[in-house]
Amino acid sequence: MLNQVLKQFNLQVISVNEVEDSFSSTVYKCTLPNGESIFLKIPYTRVKYERELAAYEILAGHVPIPKLLDHWAGDDKCPGALLLSELKGKSLSATASPEIAYQIGAMQASMHQIKPSNKTALGAIQNEFPNWHEFIERQFYSFAEDAKEVLEEDLYMASLRKFEQMKGELPEPDGPSFVHMDFRPANIIVEEGQVSGMIDFESVRFGSAEIDFTKIHRDFLSTNSSLSDSFQMGYNSIRPMIDLQAVLPFYRFIDAFNSNGWSQRRGLEKNFAFYETNLRILKEMLQGDRLEK
């Protein structure tokens, strides 16, 4: 498939290397004869290709993203492919400064400022906001089918009870906003003290902004209170920050539970480290709940 896509784009390359930490697409870094690097992305499904393609049109001019150089709609063997410019830098590090955290907050808020229009709401990116809590419930119980195969029964049943309890305590959702759905350090590029931009849009939706804080909190902001404070200041410089204390525990819980189901769905053996990490988080969040009937 790679050779077919290279031929489709009429690309002459001197090296091609597959990018790690890409879970919903196959991504290659291609070096051109002039030394420039570009990225070739082949999403796993046609739906993901269409979402990503639409996202580049919607986000351009609002937040820093790679430039879409070309795209191909694919055929019976390939769901589609995108050719992207390189954002200079590396993925966000846990040791990044509060200044970087401020920039990330402002960038995320700028993304959340984007609302669905008559054009976008009917396009490839679904508008889930009108029935947001039902959307979250569908996702949870979909992954529950897989999680049931790998979780102890008492942990599994406690998770279902916890979900129903916490769901009923949620405030009204915040939105509609353009939400990334996978806003984590690997998808944020930084170079020399500046945020270059964000990448990977195959899971995006229009929905409630509250879902986008979970992974960036888990993998970055929770390591240092000064990072969290700076992030919130950056976010507030663009739009008001929601009450994270009211929603973050719920989304941290469903992220841990869904990630266990995702690990089983995508192959437990190759995703075992990710599974173990989220299993630990899930158990910590359910302490005291597992014995309830």
C-alpha atoms as a PDB file:
ATOM      1  CA  MET A   1       0.000   0.000   0.000  1.00  0.00           C
ATOM      2  CA  LEU A   2       2.856   2.389   0.791  1.00  0.00           C
ATOM      3  CA  ASN A   3       4.341   2.072  -2.691  1.00  0.00           C
ATOM      4  CA  GLN A   4       0.908   2.557  -4.212  1.00  0.00           C
ATOM      5  CA  VAL A   5       0.334   5.784  -2.256  1.00  0.00           C
ATOM      6  CA  LEU A   6       3.828   7.117  -3.051  1.00  0.00           C
ATOM      7  CA  LYS A   7       3.108   6.512  -6.718  1.00  0.00           C
ATOM      8  CA  GLN A   8      -0.296   8.175  -6.419  1.00  0.00           C
ATOM      9  CA  PHE A   9       1.321  11.351  -5.065  1.00  0.00           C
ATOM     10  CA  ASN A  10       4.211  11.095  -7.533  1.00  0.00           C
ATOM     11  CA  LEU A  11       6.650  11.288  -4.627  1.00  0.00           C
ATOM     12  CA  GLN A  12      10.372  10.769  -5.027  1.00  0.00           C
ATOM     13  CA  VAL A  13      11.857   9.978  -1.612  1.00  0.00           C
ATOM     14  CA  ILE A  14      15.296   9.026  -0.327  1.00  0.00           C
ATOM     15  CA  SER A  15      14.015   7.464   2.922  1.00  0.00           C
ATOM     16  CA  VAL A  16      10.736   6.418   4.535  1.00  0.00           C
ATOM     17  CA  ASN A  17      10.364   5.681   8.259  1.00  0.00           C
ATOM     18  CA  GLU A  18       7.197   4.629  10.054  1.00  0.00           C
ATOM     19  CA  VAL A  19       6.250   6.908  12.956  1.00  0.00           C
ATOM     20  CA  GLU A  20       5.679   5.302  16.345  1.00  0.00           C
ATOM     21  CA  ASP A  21       2.861   6.194  18.776  1.00  0.00           C
ATOM     22  CA  SER A  22       0.233   6.436  16.035  1.00  0.00           C
ATOM     23  CA  PHE A  23      -2.712   4.255  16.981  1.00  0.00           C
ATOM     24  CA  SER A  24      -5.487   5.068  14.497  1.00  0.00           C
ATOM     25  CA  SER A  25      -3.422   5.606  11.364  1.00  0.00           C
ATOM     26  CA  THR A  26      -0.229   4.456   9.726  1.00  0.00           C
ATOM     27  CA  VAL A  27       2.126   7.437   9.461  1.00  0.00           C
ATOM     28  CA  TYR A  28       5.413   7.657   7.561  1.00  0.00           C
ATOM     29  CA  LYS A  29       8.063  10.360   7.713  1.00  0.00           C
ATOM     30  CA  CYS A  30       9.420  10.804   4.192  1.00  0.00           C
ATOM     31  CA  THR A  31      12.671  12.553   3.360  1.00  0.00           C
ATOM     32  CA  LEU A  32      12.693  14.225  -0.059  1.00  0.00           C
ATOM     33  CA  PRO A  33      15.762  14.623  -2.285  1.00  0.00           C
ATOM     34  CA  ASN A  34      16.087  18.281  -1.201  1.00  0.00           C
ATOM     35  CA  GLY A  35      16.347  17.180   2.456  1.00  0.00           C
ATOM     36  CA  GLU A  36      12.877  18.376   3.395  1.00  0.00           C
ATOM     37  CA  SER A  37      10.661  16.080   5.483  1.00  0.00           C
ATOM     38  CA  ILE A  38       6.962  15.541   4.897  1.00  0.00           C
ATOM     39  CA  PHE A  39       4.486  13.104   6.418  1.00  0.00           C
ATOM     40  CA  LEU A  40       2.307  10.541   4.704  1.00  0.00           C
ATOM     41  CA  LYS A  41      -0.735   9.486   6.721  1.00  0.00           C
ATOM     42  CA  ILE A  42      -2.996   6.532   5.918  1.00  0.00           C
ATOM     43  CA  PRO A  43      -5.949   6.331   8.367  1.00  0.00           C
ATOM     44  CA  TYR A  44      -7.254   2.881   9.267  1.00  0.00           C
ATOM     45  CA  THR A  45     -10.785   3.589   7.984  1.00  0.00           C
ATOM     46  CA  ARG A  46     -12.532   5.742   5.431  1.00  0.00           C
ATOM     47  CA  VAL A  47     -14.431   7.565   8.196  1.00  0.00           C
ATOM     48  CA  LYS A  48     -11.178   8.559   9.903  1.00  0.00           C
ATOM     49  CA  TYR A  49      -9.749   9.761   6.578  1.00  0.00           C
ATOM     50  CA  GLU A  50     -12.815  11.941   5.934  1.00  0.00           C
ATOM     51  CA  ARG A  51     -12.747  13.376   9.469  1.00  0.00           C
ATOM     52  CA  GLU A  52      -9.065  14.259   9.220  1.00  0.00           C
ATOM     53  CA  LEU A  53      -9.472  15.820   5.798  1.00  0.00           C
ATOM     54  CA  ALA A  54     -12.391  17.967   6.974  1.00  0.00           C
ATOM     55  CA  ALA A  55     -10.480  19.008  10.106  1.00  0.00           C
ATOM     56  CA  TYR A  56      -7.685  20.619   8.081  1.00  0.00           C
ATOM     57  CA  GLU A  57     -10.190  22.845   6.316  1.00  0.00           C
ATOM     58  CA  ILE A  58     -11.974  23.809   9.546  1.00  0.00           C
ATOM     59  CA  LEU A  59      -8.882  24.413  11.699  1.00  0.00           C
ATOM     60  CA  ALA A  60      -6.736  26.283   9.173  1.00  0.00           C
ATOM     61  CA  GLY A  61      -6.211  29.865  10.319  1.00  0.00           C
ATOM     62  CA  HIS A  62      -7.564  29.193  13.817  1.00  0.00           C
ATOM     63  CA  VAL A  63      -4.857  27.014  15.403  1.00  0.00           C
ATOM     64  CA  PRO A  64      -1.356  25.975  14.265  1.00  0.00           C
ATOM     65  CA  ILE A  65      -1.504  22.686  12.349  1.00  0.00           C
ATOM     66  CA  PRO A  66       0.478  21.041   9.538  1.00  0.00           C
ATOM     67  CA  LYS A  67      -0.289  22.202   6.022  1.00  0.00           C
ATOM     68  CA  LEU A  68      -2.309  19.761   3.942  1.00  0.00           C
ATOM     69  CA  LEU A  69      -0.144  19.381   0.828  1.00  0.00           C
ATOM     70  CA  ASP A  70      -2.269  16.826  -0.990  1.00  0.00           C
ATOM     71  CA  HIS A  71      -4.796  14.077  -0.393  1.00  0.00           C
ATOM     72  CA  TRP A  72      -6.076  10.981  -2.162  1.00  0.00           C
ATOM     73  CA  ALA A  73      -9.530   9.482  -1.652  1.00  0.00           C
ATOM     74  CA  GLY A  74      -8.183   5.946  -1.926  1.00  0.00           C
ATOM     75  CA  ASP A  75      -9.672   2.860  -3.545  1.00  0.00           C
ATOM     76  CA  ASP A  76     -10.881  -0.620  -2.591  1.00  0.00           C
ATOM     77  CA  LYS A  77      -7.563  -1.410  -0.895  1.00  0.00           C
ATOM     78  CA  CYS A  78      -6.718   1.970   0.653  1.00  0.00           C
ATOM     79  CA  PRO A  79      -9.173   4.078   2.723  1.00  0.00           C
ATOM     80  CA  GLY A  80      -7.408   7.286   1.699  1.00  0.00           C
ATOM     81  CA  ALA A  81      -4.150   9.126   2.334  1.00  0.00           C
ATOM     82  CA  LEU A  82      -3.009  12.613   3.303  1.00  0.00           C
ATOM     83  CA  LEU A  83       0.276  14.350   2.553  1.00  0.00           C
ATOM     84  CA  LEU A  84       1.274  16.804   5.292  1.00  0.00           C
ATOM     85  CA  SER A  85       3.989  19.337   5.967  1.00  0.00           C
ATOM     86  CA  GLU A  86       6.237  18.909   8.988  1.00  0.00           C
ATOM     87  CA  LEU A  87       5.683  20.821  12.209  1.00  0.00           C
ATOM     88  CA  LYS A  88       9.194  21.532  13.467  1.00  0.00           C
ATOM     89  CA  GLY A  89       9.993  20.151  16.897  1.00  0.00           C
ATOM     90  CA  LYS A  90       9.232  17.153  19.072  1.00  0.00           C
ATOM     91  CA  SER A  91       6.274  15.856  21.039  1.00  0.00           C
ATOM     92  CA  LEU A  92       5.508  17.661  24.284  1.00  0.00           C
ATOM     93  CA  SER A  93       7.742  16.558  27.155  1.00  0.00           C
ATOM     94  CA  ALA A  94       6.654  16.165  30.775  1.00  0.00           C
ATOM     95  CA  THR A  95       9.509  18.524  31.677  1.00  0.00           C
ATOM     96  CA  ALA A  96       8.177  21.409  29.573  1.00  0.00           C
ATOM     97  CA  SER A  97       7.944  24.832  31.180  1.00  0.00           C
ATOM     98  CA  PRO A  98       4.888  26.668  32.544  1.00  0.00           C
ATOM     99  CA  GLU A  99       5.248  29.035  29.573  1.00  0.00           C
ATOM    100  CA  ILE A 100       4.672  26.079  27.249  1.00  0.00           C
ATOM    101  CA  ALA A 101       1.671  25.028  29.349  1.00  0.00           C
ATOM    102  CA  TYR A 102       0.225  28.547  28.927  1.00  0.00           C
ATOM    103  CA  GLN A 103       0.578  28.314  25.141  1.00  0.00           C
ATOM    104  CA  ILE A 104      -1.064  24.878  25.100  1.00  0.00           C
ATOM    105  CA  GLY A 105      -4.009  26.205  27.095  1.00  0.00           C
ATOM    106  CA  ALA A 106      -4.460  29.112  24.686  1.00  0.00           C
ATOM    107  CA  MET A 107      -4.190  26.795  21.668  1.00  0.00           C
ATOM    108  CA  GLN A 108      -6.769  24.394  23.032  1.00  0.00           C
ATOM    109  CA  ALA A 109      -9.152  27.240  23.884  1.00  0.00           C
ATOM    110  CA  SER A 110      -8.799  28.615  20.343  1.00  0.00           C
ATOM    111  CA  MET A 111      -9.806  25.198  19.022  1.00  0.00           C
ATOM    112  CA  HIS A 112     -12.765  25.049  21.411  1.00  0.00           C
ATOM    113  CA  GLN A 113     -13.925  28.444  20.137  1.00  0.00           C
ATOM    114  CA  ILE A 114     -14.735  26.863  16.764  1.00  0.00           C
ATOM    115  CA  LYS A 115     -18.464  26.152  16.494  1.00  0.00           C
ATOM    116  CA  PRO A 116     -20.335  23.954  14.004  1.00  0.00           C
ATOM    117  CA  SER A 117     -21.774  25.797  11.036  1.00  0.00           C
ATOM    118  CA  ASN A 118     -24.416  24.688   8.569  1.00  0.00           C
ATOM    119  CA  LYS A 119     -21.568  23.369   6.422  1.00  0.00           C
ATOM    120  CA  THR A 120     -19.534  21.567   9.065  1.00  0.00           C
ATOM    121  CA  ALA A 121     -22.447  20.115  11.029  1.00  0.00           C
ATOM    122  CA  LEU A 122     -23.552  18.128   7.991  1.00  0.00           C
ATOM    123  CA  GLY A 123     -20.086  17.072   6.901  1.00  0.00           C
ATOM    124  CA  ALA A 124     -17.673  14.324   7.849  1.00  0.00           C
ATOM    125  CA  ILE A 125     -17.247  15.599  11.420  1.00  0.00           C
ATOM    126  CA  GLN A 126     -20.249  14.619  13.476  1.00  0.00           C
ATOM    127  CA  ASN A 127     -21.983  17.121  15.767  1.00  0.00           C
ATOM    128  CA  GLU A 128     -22.569  15.081  18.926  1.00  0.00           C
ATOM    129  CA  PHE A 129     -23.345  18.033  21.188  1.00  0.00           C
ATOM    130  CA  PRO A 130     -27.176  17.982  21.045  1.00  0.00           C
ATOM    131  CA  ASN A 131     -27.106  14.487  22.592  1.00  0.00           C
ATOM    132  CA  TRP A 132     -23.728  14.672  24.315  1.00  0.00           C
ATOM    133  CA  HIS A 133     -24.425  12.488  27.340  1.00  0.00           C
ATOM    134  CA  GLU A 134     -25.992   9.828  25.115  1.00  0.00           C
ATOM    135  CA  PHE A 135     -22.854   9.901  22.952  1.00  0.00           C
ATOM    136  CA  ILE A 136     -20.648   9.368  26.014  1.00  0.00           C
ATOM    137  CA  GLU A 137     -22.891   6.514  27.139  1.00  0.00           C
ATOM    138  CA  ARG A 138     -22.701   4.802  23.738  1.00  0.00           C
ATOM    139  CA  GLN A 139     -18.917   4.990  23.797  1.00  0.00           C
ATOM    140  CA  PHE A 140     -18.723   3.652  27.354  1.00  0.00           C
ATOM    141  CA  TYR A 141     -20.952   0.647  26.782  1.00  0.00           C
ATOM    142  CA  SER A 142     -19.303  -0.111  23.449  1.00  0.00           C
ATOM    143  CA  PHE A 143     -15.903  -0.422  25.150  1.00  0.00           C
ATOM    144  CA  ALA A 144     -17.559  -2.262  28.048  1.00  0.00           C
ATOM    145  CA  GLU A 145     -18.078  -5.247  25.734  1.00  0.00           C
ATOM    146  CA  ASP A 146     -14.306  -5.515  25.361  1.00  0.00           C
ATOM    147  CA  ALA A 147     -13.436  -4.508  28.930  1.00  0.00           C
ATOM    148  CA  LYS A 148     -15.607  -7.329  30.275  1.00  0.00           C
ATOM    149  CA  GLU A 149     -13.170  -9.820  28.762  1.00  0.00           C
ATOM    150  CA  VAL A 150     -10.137  -8.503  30.672  1.00  0.00           C
ATOM    151  CA  LEU A 151     -11.456  -7.061  33.960  1.00  0.00           C
ATOM    152  CA  GLU A 152     -12.266  -8.983  37.115  1.00  0.00           C
ATOM    153  CA  GLU A 153     -16.030  -9.313  37.495  1.00  0.00           C
ATOM    154  CA  ASP A 154     -16.299  -7.229  40.663  1.00  0.00           C
ATOM    155  CA  LEU A 155     -14.188  -4.459  39.106  1.00  0.00           C
ATOM    156  CA  TYR A 156     -16.256  -4.562  35.937  1.00  0.00           C
ATOM    157  CA  MET A 157     -19.586  -4.372  37.784  1.00  0.00           C
ATOM    158  CA  ALA A 158     -18.312  -1.616  40.078  1.00  0.00           C
ATOM    159  CA  SER A 159     -17.308   0.327  36.958  1.00  0.00           C
ATOM    160  CA  LEU A 160     -20.825   0.095  35.526  1.00  0.00           C
ATOM    161  CA  ARG A 161     -22.351   1.298  38.799  1.00  0.00           C
ATOM    162  CA  LYS A 162     -19.820   4.128  39.042  1.00  0.00           C
ATOM    163  CA  PHE A 163     -20.582   5.257  35.506  1.00  0.00           C
ATOM    164  CA  GLU A 164     -24.325   5.496  36.113  1.00  0.00           C
ATOM    165  CA  GLN A 165     -23.806   7.312  39.412  1.00  0.00           C
ATOM    166  CA  MET A 166     -21.326   9.870  38.047  1.00  0.00           C
ATOM    167  CA  LYS A 167     -23.224  10.411  34.814  1.00  0.00           C
ATOM    168  CA  GLY A 168     -26.232  11.583  36.802  1.00  0.00           C
ATOM    169  CA  GLU A 169     -24.118  14.186  38.619  1.00  0.00           C
ATOM    170  CA  LEU A 170     -22.722  15.906  35.518  1.00  0.00           C
ATOM    171  CA  PRO A 171     -23.469  19.599  34.886  1.00  0.00           C
ATOM    172  CA  GLU A 172     -24.826  20.803  31.576  1.00  0.00           C
ATOM    173  CA  PRO A 173     -22.211  20.210  28.841  1.00  0.00           C
ATOM    174  CA  ASP A 174     -20.064  23.110  27.614  1.00  0.00           C
ATOM    175  CA  GLY A 175     -20.324  23.740  23.892  1.00  0.00           C
ATOM    176  CA  PRO A 176     -20.794  23.049  21.106  1.00  0.00           C
ATOM    177  CA  SER A 177     -17.066  23.163  20.437  1.00  0.00           C
ATOM    178  CA  PHE A 178     -14.601  21.523  18.084  1.00  0.00           C
ATOM    179  CA  VAL A 179     -13.025  18.830  20.273  1.00  0.00           C
ATOM    180  CA  HIS A 180      -9.869  16.873  19.474  1.00  0.00           C
ATOM    181  CA  MET A 181     -10.792  13.727  21.495  1.00  0.00           C
ATOM    182  CA  ASP A 182      -7.096  12.734  21.737  1.00  0.00           C
ATOM    183  CA  PHE A 183      -5.468  15.901  23.088  1.00  0.00           C
ATOM    184  CA  ARG A 184      -2.307  14.426  24.631  1.00  0.00           C
ATOM    185  CA  PRO A 185       1.439  15.205  24.625  1.00  0.00           C
ATOM    186  CA  ALA A 186       2.220  12.968  21.620  1.00  0.00           C
ATOM    187  CA  ASN A 187      -0.118  15.136  19.511  1.00  0.00           C
ATOM    188  CA  ILE A 188       1.357  18.483  20.616  1.00  0.00           C
ATOM    189  CA  ILE A 189       4.603  19.578  18.941  1.00  0.00           C
ATOM    190  CA  VAL A 190       7.066  21.918  20.660  1.00  0.00           C
ATOM    191  CA  GLU A 191      10.326  23.501  19.500  1.00  0.00           C
ATOM    192  CA  GLU A 192      12.694  25.789  21.399  1.00  0.00           C
ATOM    193  CA  GLY A 193      10.209  27.006  23.993  1.00  0.00           C
ATOM    194  CA  GLN A 194       7.354  27.492  21.537  1.00  0.00           C
ATOM    195  CA  VAL A 195       4.370  25.331  20.675  1.00  0.00           C
ATOM    196  CA  SER A 196       4.569  24.547  16.951  1.00  0.00           C
ATOM    197  CA  GLY A 197       1.033  23.173  16.791  1.00  0.00           C
ATOM    198  CA  MET A 198      -1.118  20.066  17.113  1.00  0.00           C
ATOM    199  CA  ILE A 199      -1.586  16.980  14.954  1.00  0.00           C
ATOM    200  CA  ASP A 200      -3.860  13.935  14.456  1.00  0.00           C
ATOM    201  CA  PHE A 201      -7.523  14.668  13.864  1.00  0.00           C
ATOM    202  CA  GLU A 202      -9.058  11.319  12.953  1.00  0.00           C
ATOM    203  CA  SER A 203     -11.194  11.232  16.128  1.00  0.00           C
ATOM    204  CA  VAL A 204     -12.457  14.831  16.200  1.00  0.00           C
ATOM    205  CA  ARG A 205     -16.080  15.786  16.814  1.00  0.00           C
ATOM    206  CA  PHE A 206     -18.214  18.762  17.616  1.00  0.00           C
ATOM    207  CA  GLY A 207     -19.184  18.218  21.221  1.00  0.00           C
ATOM    208  CA  SER A 208     -18.529  19.349  24.781  1.00  0.00           C
ATOM    209  CA  ALA A 209     -15.140  20.918  25.509  1.00  0.00           C
ATOM    210  CA  GLU A 210     -14.991  19.078  28.849  1.00  0.00           C
ATOM    211  CA  ILE A 211     -13.823  15.807  27.252  1.00  0.00           C
ATOM    212  CA  ASP A 212     -10.578  17.309  25.930  1.00  0.00           C
ATOM    213  CA  PHE A 213      -8.913  17.960  29.314  1.00  0.00           C
ATOM    214  CA  THR A 214      -8.577  14.345  30.430  1.00  0.00           C
ATOM    215  CA  LYS A 215      -5.464  13.139  28.603  1.00  0.00           C
ATOM    216  CA  ILE A 216      -3.490  16.374  28.820  1.00  0.00           C
ATOM    217  CA  HIS A 217      -4.184  16.375  32.567  1.00  0.00           C
ATOM    218  CA  ARG A 218      -3.255  12.696  32.960  1.00  0.00           C
ATOM    219  CA  ASP A 219       0.006  12.864  31.016  1.00  0.00           C
ATOM    220  CA  PHE A 220       1.226  16.425  31.597  1.00  0.00           C
ATOM    221  CA  LEU A 221      -0.646  18.856  33.847  1.00  0.00           C
ATOM    222  CA  SER A 222      -0.983  16.519  36.841  1.00  0.00           C
ATOM    223  CA  THR A 223       2.800  16.298  37.223  1.00  0.00           C
ATOM    224  CA  ASN A 224       3.165  19.885  38.480  1.00  0.00           C
ATOM    225  CA  SER A 225       0.601  22.346  39.877  1.00  0.00           C
ATOM    226  CA  SER A 226       2.395  25.280  38.230  1.00  0.00           C
ATOM    227  CA  LEU A 227       1.813  23.663  34.835  1.00  0.00           C
ATOM    228  CA  SER A 228      -1.894  23.314  35.541  1.00  0.00           C
ATOM    229  CA  ASP A 229      -2.140  26.923  36.740  1.00  0.00           C
ATOM    230  CA  SER A 230      -0.347  28.245  33.651  1.00  0.00           C
ATOM    231  CA  PHE A 231      -2.439  26.076  31.343  1.00  0.00           C
ATOM    232  CA  GLN A 232      -5.657  27.441  32.833  1.00  0.00           C
ATOM    233  CA  MET A 233      -4.371  31.019  32.555  1.00  0.00           C
ATOM    234  CA  GLY A 234      -3.644  30.456  28.867  1.00  0.00           C
ATOM    235  CA  TYR A 235      -7.059  28.910  28.310  1.00  0.00           C
ATOM    236  CA  ASN A 236      -8.800  31.771  30.132  1.00  0.00           C
ATOM    237  CA  SER A 237      -7.019  34.274  27.886  1.00  0.00           C
ATOM    238  CA  ILE A 238      -9.187  32.988  25.003  1.00  0.00           C
ATOM    239  CA  ARG A 239     -12.371  31.646  26.620  1.00  0.00           C
ATOM    240  CA  PRO A 240     -13.577  30.952  30.174  1.00  0.00           C
ATOM    241  CA  MET A 241     -12.322  27.707  31.696  1.00  0.00           C
ATOM    242  CA  ILE A 242     -15.063  25.339  32.811  1.00  0.00           C
ATOM    243  CA  ASP A 243     -15.269  23.978  36.365  1.00  0.00           C
ATOM    244  CA  LEU A 244     -12.814  21.121  35.907  1.00  0.00           C
ATOM    245  CA  GLN A 245     -13.448  19.753  39.393  1.00  0.00           C
ATOM    246  CA  ALA A 246     -17.055  19.097  38.396  1.00  0.00           C
ATOM    247  CA  VAL A 247     -16.247  17.034  35.307  1.00  0.00           C
ATOM    248  CA  LEU A 248     -12.622  15.848  35.326  1.00  0.00           C
ATOM    249  CA  PRO A 249     -13.139  12.930  37.774  1.00  0.00           C
ATOM    250  CA  PHE A 250     -15.877  11.518  35.537  1.00  0.00           C
ATOM    251  CA  TYR A 251     -13.848  11.805  32.350  1.00  0.00           C
ATOM    252  CA  ARG A 252     -10.712  10.427  34.031  1.00  0.00           C
ATOM    253  CA  PHE A 253     -12.762   7.425  35.116  1.00  0.00           C
ATOM    254  CA  ILE A 254     -14.301   6.688  31.710  1.00  0.00           C
ATOM    255  CA  ASP A 255     -10.946   7.259  30.009  1.00  0.00           C
ATOM    256  CA  ALA A 256      -9.333   4.598  32.205  1.00  0.00           C
ATOM    257  CA  PHE A 257     -12.227   2.165  31.699  1.00  0.00           C
ATOM    258  CA  ASN A 258     -12.509   2.742  27.943  1.00  0.00           C
ATOM    259  CA  SER A 259      -8.730   2.403  27.577  1.00  0.00           C
ATOM    260  CA  ASN A 260      -8.910  -1.089  29.072  1.00  0.00           C
ATOM    261  CA  GLY A 261     -11.551  -1.987  26.502  1.00  0.00           C
ATOM    262  CA  TRP A 262      -9.517  -0.352  23.738  1.00  0.00           C
ATOM    263  CA  SER A 263      -6.431  -2.379  24.710  1.00  0.00           C
ATOM    264  CA  GLN A 264      -8.397  -5.601  24.402  1.00  0.00           C
ATOM    265  CA  ARG A 265     -10.017  -4.521  21.125  1.00  0.00           C
ATOM    266  CA  ARG A 266      -6.703  -3.565  19.513  1.00  0.00           C
ATOM    267  CA  GLY A 267      -4.760  -6.557  20.888  1.00  0.00           C
ATOM    268  CA  LEU A 268      -3.975  -6.945  24.572  1.00  0.00           C
ATOM    269  CA  GLU A 269      -0.501  -8.384  24.095  1.00  0.00           C
ATOM    270  CA  LYS A 270       0.883  -5.465  22.089  1.00  0.00           C
ATOM    271  CA  ASN A 271      -0.942  -2.883  24.238  1.00  0.00           C
ATOM    272  CA  PHE A 272      -0.308  -4.529  27.604  1.00  0.00           C
ATOM    273  CA  ALA A 273       1.685  -1.664  29.134  1.00  0.00           C
ATOM    274  CA  PHE A 274      -1.101   0.790  28.266  1.00  0.00           C
ATOM    275  CA  TYR A 275      -3.648  -1.652  29.688  1.00  0.00           C
ATOM    276  CA  GLU A 276      -1.739  -2.014  32.965  1.00  0.00           C
ATOM    277  CA  THR A 277      -1.406   1.746  33.385  1.00  0.00           C
ATOM    278  CA  ASN A 278      -5.122   2.306  32.950  1.00  0.00           C
ATOM    279  CA  LEU A 279      -6.026  -0.701  35.063  1.00  0.00           C
ATOM    280  CA  ARG A 280      -4.085   0.855  37.941  1.00  0.00           C
ATOM    281  CA  ILE A 281      -5.889   4.174  37.466  1.00  0.00           C
ATOM    282  CA  LEU A 282      -9.260   2.437  37.327  1.00  0.00           C
ATOM    283  CA  LYS A 283      -8.608   0.487  40.537  1.00  0.00           C
ATOM    284  CA  GLU A 284      -7.486   3.641  42.329  1.00  0.00           C
ATOM    285  CA  MET A 285     -10.634   5.477  41.289  1.00  0.00           C
ATOM    286  CA  LEU A 286     -12.874   2.615  42.392  1.00  0.00           C
ATOM    287  CA  GLN A 287     -11.390   2.079  45.852  1.00  0.00           C
ATOM    288  CA  GLY A 288     -14.302   1.558  48.214  1.00  0.00           C
ATOM    289  CA  ASP A 289     -16.798   0.945  45.407  1.00  0.00           C
ATOM    290  CA  ARG A 290     -15.984  -2.658  44.506  1.00  0.00           C
ATOM    291  CA  LEU A 291     -17.749  -4.179  47.497  1.00  0.00           C
ATOM    292  CA  GLU A 292     -20.975  -2.256  46.930  1.00  0.00           C
ATOM    293  CA  LYS A 293     -23.927  -4.271  45.678  1.00  0.00           C
END
